[in-house]
């Protein structure tokens, strides 16, 4: 059970990083720079090559951000449930 808590917490931390990165991309895409619609400011794209290239629009970043926010919320709820102490039932 302890390994599951650590694994879920690591996924939650990663999902928060990805959510923040997608929010950053979406907010930068609201104001185009130099006439380009898709200005990339993604940390995850530079490090891992995911979440965006020059063909991503602000709407696409927004949709990915919404999905990532929902996943982060679900993982956060799972972390809270796993942190609650479990009562052991008495065997008769």
C-alpha atoms as a PDB file:
ATOM      1  CA  UNK A   1       0.000   0.000   0.000  1.00  0.00           C
ATOM      2  CA  UNK A   2       2.876   2.347   0.727  1.00  0.00           C
ATOM      3  CA  UNK A   3       4.310   1.873  -2.776  1.00  0.00           C
ATOM      4  CA  UNK A   4       0.915   2.678  -4.262  1.00  0.00           C
ATOM      5  CA  UNK A   5       0.790   5.939  -2.271  1.00  0.00           C
ATOM      6  CA  UNK A   6       4.254   6.906  -3.484  1.00  0.00           C
ATOM      7  CA  UNK A   7       3.379   6.023  -7.084  1.00  0.00           C
ATOM      8  CA  UNK A   8       0.104   7.997  -7.014  1.00  0.00           C
ATOM      9  CA  UNK A   9       1.863  10.958  -5.397  1.00  0.00           C
ATOM     10  CA  UNK A  10       4.573  10.901  -8.103  1.00  0.00           C
ATOM     11  CA  UNK A  11       1.881  10.815 -10.806  1.00  0.00           C
ATOM     12  CA  UNK A  12       0.108  13.712  -9.085  1.00  0.00           C
ATOM     13  CA  UNK A  13       3.307  15.788  -8.999  1.00  0.00           C
ATOM     14  CA  UNK A  14       3.984  15.037 -12.676  1.00  0.00           C
ATOM     15  CA  UNK A  15       0.416  15.928 -13.629  1.00  0.00           C
ATOM     16  CA  UNK A  16       0.712  19.253 -11.789  1.00  0.00           C
ATOM     17  CA  UNK A  17       3.905  20.030 -13.719  1.00  0.00           C
ATOM     18  CA  UNK A  18       2.208  19.187 -17.010  1.00  0.00           C
ATOM     19  CA  UNK A  19      -0.911  21.182 -16.089  1.00  0.00           C
ATOM     20  CA  UNK A  20       1.169  24.237 -15.219  1.00  0.00           C
ATOM     21  CA  UNK A  21       3.137  23.860 -18.452  1.00  0.00           C
ATOM     22  CA  UNK A  22      -0.050  23.655 -20.543  1.00  0.00           C
ATOM     23  CA  UNK A  23      -1.488  26.684 -18.734  1.00  0.00           C
ATOM     24  CA  UNK A  24       1.717  28.570 -19.478  1.00  0.00           C
ATOM     25  CA  UNK A  25       1.501  27.665 -23.172  1.00  0.00           C
ATOM     26  CA  UNK A  26      -2.170  28.634 -23.317  1.00  0.00           C
ATOM     27  CA  UNK A  27      -1.574  32.007 -21.651  1.00  0.00           C
ATOM     28  CA  UNK A  28       1.378  32.776 -23.949  1.00  0.00           C
ATOM     29  CA  UNK A  29      -0.747  31.851 -26.964  1.00  0.00           C
ATOM     30  CA  UNK A  30      -3.443  34.359 -26.023  1.00  0.00           C
ATOM     31  CA  UNK A  31      -1.160  37.171 -27.178  1.00  0.00           C
ATOM     32  CA  UNK A  32       0.623  36.095 -30.373  1.00  0.00           C
ATOM     33  CA  UNK A  33       4.203  37.249 -30.744  1.00  0.00           C
ATOM     34  CA  UNK A  34       5.555  38.362 -34.116  1.00  0.00           C
ATOM     35  CA  UNK A  35       2.357  37.334 -35.871  1.00  0.00           C
ATOM     36  CA  UNK A  36       2.688  33.661 -34.998  1.00  0.00           C
ATOM     37  CA  UNK A  37      -0.322  32.006 -33.446  1.00  0.00           C
ATOM     38  CA  UNK A  38       1.557  29.265 -31.663  1.00  0.00           C
ATOM     39  CA  UNK A  39       4.426  30.611 -29.582  1.00  0.00           C
ATOM     40  CA  UNK A  40       6.037  27.684 -27.768  1.00  0.00           C
ATOM     41  CA  UNK A  41       7.124  28.234 -24.191  1.00  0.00           C
ATOM     42  CA  UNK A  42       6.783  24.607 -23.139  1.00  0.00           C
ATOM     43  CA  UNK A  43       9.274  23.050 -20.762  1.00  0.00           C
ATOM     44  CA  UNK A  44       7.944  19.553 -21.478  1.00  0.00           C
ATOM     45  CA  UNK A  45       8.277  20.097 -25.229  1.00  0.00           C
ATOM     46  CA  UNK A  46      11.892  21.179 -24.904  1.00  0.00           C
ATOM     47  CA  UNK A  47      12.803  18.338 -22.540  1.00  0.00           C
ATOM     48  CA  UNK A  48      10.700  15.444 -23.811  1.00  0.00           C
ATOM     49  CA  UNK A  49       9.253  16.564 -27.149  1.00  0.00           C
ATOM     50  CA  UNK A  50       5.628  16.364 -25.993  1.00  0.00           C
ATOM     51  CA  UNK A  51       2.771  18.860 -25.760  1.00  0.00           C
ATOM     52  CA  UNK A  52       2.946  21.090 -28.700  1.00  0.00           C
ATOM     53  CA  UNK A  53       4.769  22.088 -31.758  1.00  0.00           C
ATOM     54  CA  UNK A  54       4.204  24.981 -34.126  1.00  0.00           C
ATOM     55  CA  UNK A  55       0.890  23.553 -35.336  1.00  0.00           C
ATOM     56  CA  UNK A  56      -0.791  23.789 -31.909  1.00  0.00           C
ATOM     57  CA  UNK A  57      -3.312  26.595 -31.535  1.00  0.00           C
ATOM     58  CA  UNK A  58      -4.532  28.349 -28.385  1.00  0.00           C
ATOM     59  CA  UNK A  59      -7.725  26.271 -28.495  1.00  0.00           C
ATOM     60  CA  UNK A  60      -5.757  23.037 -28.647  1.00  0.00           C
ATOM     61  CA  UNK A  61      -3.598  24.092 -25.681  1.00  0.00           C
ATOM     62  CA  UNK A  62      -6.761  25.049 -23.789  1.00  0.00           C
ATOM     63  CA  UNK A  63      -8.411  21.670 -24.411  1.00  0.00           C
ATOM     64  CA  UNK A  64      -5.267  19.829 -23.302  1.00  0.00           C
ATOM     65  CA  UNK A  65      -5.105  22.088 -20.223  1.00  0.00           C
ATOM     66  CA  UNK A  66      -8.708  21.293 -19.263  1.00  0.00           C
ATOM     67  CA  UNK A  67      -8.123  17.544 -19.585  1.00  0.00           C
ATOM     68  CA  UNK A  68      -4.881  17.802 -17.621  1.00  0.00           C
ATOM     69  CA  UNK A  69      -6.623  19.799 -14.876  1.00  0.00           C
ATOM     70  CA  UNK A  70      -9.283  17.098 -14.552  1.00  0.00           C
ATOM     71  CA  UNK A  71      -6.601  14.385 -14.358  1.00  0.00           C
ATOM     72  CA  UNK A  72      -4.712  16.380 -11.710  1.00  0.00           C
ATOM     73  CA  UNK A  73      -7.893  16.798  -9.675  1.00  0.00           C
ATOM     74  CA  UNK A  74      -8.612  13.060  -9.863  1.00  0.00           C
ATOM     75  CA  UNK A  75      -5.061  12.179  -8.813  1.00  0.00           C
ATOM     76  CA  UNK A  76      -5.260  14.738  -5.997  1.00  0.00           C
ATOM     77  CA  UNK A  77      -8.476  13.137  -4.753  1.00  0.00           C
ATOM     78  CA  UNK A  78      -6.844   9.693  -4.955  1.00  0.00           C
ATOM     79  CA  UNK A  79      -3.939  11.018  -2.868  1.00  0.00           C
ATOM     80  CA  UNK A  80      -6.330  12.303  -0.233  1.00  0.00           C
ATOM     81  CA  UNK A  81      -8.162   8.987  -0.083  1.00  0.00           C
ATOM     82  CA  UNK A  82      -4.886   7.079   0.253  1.00  0.00           C
ATOM     83  CA  UNK A  83      -3.734   9.391   3.049  1.00  0.00           C
ATOM     84  CA  UNK A  84      -6.781   8.675   5.169  1.00  0.00           C
ATOM     85  CA  UNK A  85      -6.087   6.106   7.856  1.00  0.00           C
ATOM     86  CA  UNK A  86      -7.719   2.768   7.161  1.00  0.00           C
ATOM     87  CA  UNK A  87      -9.453   1.017  10.023  1.00  0.00           C
ATOM     88  CA  UNK A  88      -8.724  -2.656  10.297  1.00  0.00           C
ATOM     89  CA  UNK A  89     -11.784  -4.739  10.942  1.00  0.00           C
ATOM     90  CA  UNK A  90     -11.745  -7.195  13.790  1.00  0.00           C
ATOM     91  CA  UNK A  91     -11.981 -10.803  12.791  1.00  0.00           C
ATOM     92  CA  UNK A  92     -14.395 -12.847  14.834  1.00  0.00           C
END
